Amino acid sequence: MPLHGWEFLIIVVVVLIVFGVGKLPQTLGSLGKGIRSFRKASAGEDVDTESSESKSKKEEPAKEKDTADEEKS
């Protein structure tokens, strides 16, 4: 169901009334940043999961080594 001219105009007027003219650019900018970060997170989800798993595996031996050094002291 596409928006026609009058429907779109009414939506714009309601948005201007709710947010005000001054805060509209700030609000839309925040919305854009949120959408952008969501897209990056959803696109890089597989990469982040793999990298976090490899980081945790690398950190575990280091923690064990530190614990062994403390026990010797």
Protein backbone atom coordinates (compact mmCIF):
# COMPACT_ATOMS: atom_id res chain seq x y z
CA MET A 1 0.00 0.00 0.00
CA PRO A 2 1.97 3.03 -1.21
CA LEU A 3 1.74 6.41 0.47
CA HIS A 4 0.09 9.09 -1.61
CA GLY A 5 0.70 12.84 -1.42
CA TRP A 6 -1.80 13.74 1.30
CA GLU A 7 -0.98 10.76 3.49
CA PHE A 8 2.73 11.55 3.34
CA LEU A 9 2.05 15.23 4.12
CA ILE A 10 -0.03 14.32 7.17
CA ILE A 11 2.72 12.02 8.46
CA VAL A 12 5.33 14.77 8.02
CA VAL A 13 3.16 17.29 9.89
CA VAL A 14 2.59 14.86 12.77
CA VAL A 15 6.33 14.13 13.01
CA LEU A 16 7.10 17.86 13.06
CA ILE A 17 4.55 18.41 15.82
CA VAL A 18 5.87 15.52 17.93
CA PHE A 19 9.61 16.16 17.56
CA GLY A 20 9.65 19.86 16.76
CA VAL A 21 11.65 21.54 14.02
CA GLY A 22 14.76 22.05 16.17
CA LYS A 23 15.24 18.47 17.31
CA LEU A 24 14.26 16.79 14.06
CA PRO A 25 17.78 16.74 12.50
CA GLN A 26 19.29 15.44 15.73
CA THR A 27 16.61 12.76 16.07
CA LEU A 28 16.94 11.60 12.48
CA GLY A 29 20.74 11.60 12.78
CA SER A 30 20.55 9.37 15.84
CA LEU A 31 18.12 7.09 14.05
CA GLY A 32 20.49 6.85 11.07
CA LYS A 33 23.46 6.01 13.30
CA GLY A 34 21.44 3.33 15.03
CA ILE A 35 20.40 1.74 11.75
CA ARG A 36 23.98 1.89 10.47
CA SER A 37 25.39 0.22 13.58
CA PHE A 38 22.66 -2.44 13.45
CA ARG A 39 23.54 -3.26 9.84
CA LYS A 40 27.25 -3.46 10.66
CA ALA A 41 26.55 -5.70 13.63
CA SER A 42 24.27 -8.02 11.71
CA ALA A 43 26.66 -8.24 8.75
CA GLY A 44 29.73 -8.82 10.92
CA GLU A 45 28.10 -11.18 13.39
CA ASP A 46 29.90 -14.26 12.10
CA VAL A 47 33.27 -12.49 12.05
CA ASP A 48 32.85 -11.12 15.57
CA THR A 49 31.87 -14.51 16.95
CA GLU A 50 34.91 -16.22 15.46
CA SER A 51 37.31 -13.50 16.59
CA SER A 52 35.96 -13.46 20.15
CA GLU A 53 36.32 -17.24 20.39
CA SER A 54 39.92 -17.12 19.20
CA LYS A 55 40.71 -14.27 21.62
CA SER A 56 39.29 -16.20 24.56
CA LYS A 57 41.36 -19.26 23.65
CA LYS A 58 44.52 -17.13 23.49
CA GLU A 59 43.80 -15.49 26.85
CA GLU A 60 43.20 -18.75 28.76
CA PRO A 61 46.82 -20.02 28.61
CA ALA A 62 48.09 -16.61 29.65
CA LYS A 63 45.85 -16.63 32.72
CA GLU A 64 47.05 -20.11 33.68
CA LYS A 65 50.67 -19.01 33.34
CA ASP A 66 50.08 -15.97 35.57
CA THR A 67 48.46 -18.18 38.21
CA ALA A 68 51.40 -20.59 38.13
CA ASP A 69 53.86 -17.71 38.58
CA GLU A 70 51.91 -16.41 41.59
CA GLU A 71 51.89 -19.84 43.24
CA LYS A 72 55.70 -20.10 43.01
CA SER A 73 56.18 -16.79 44.83
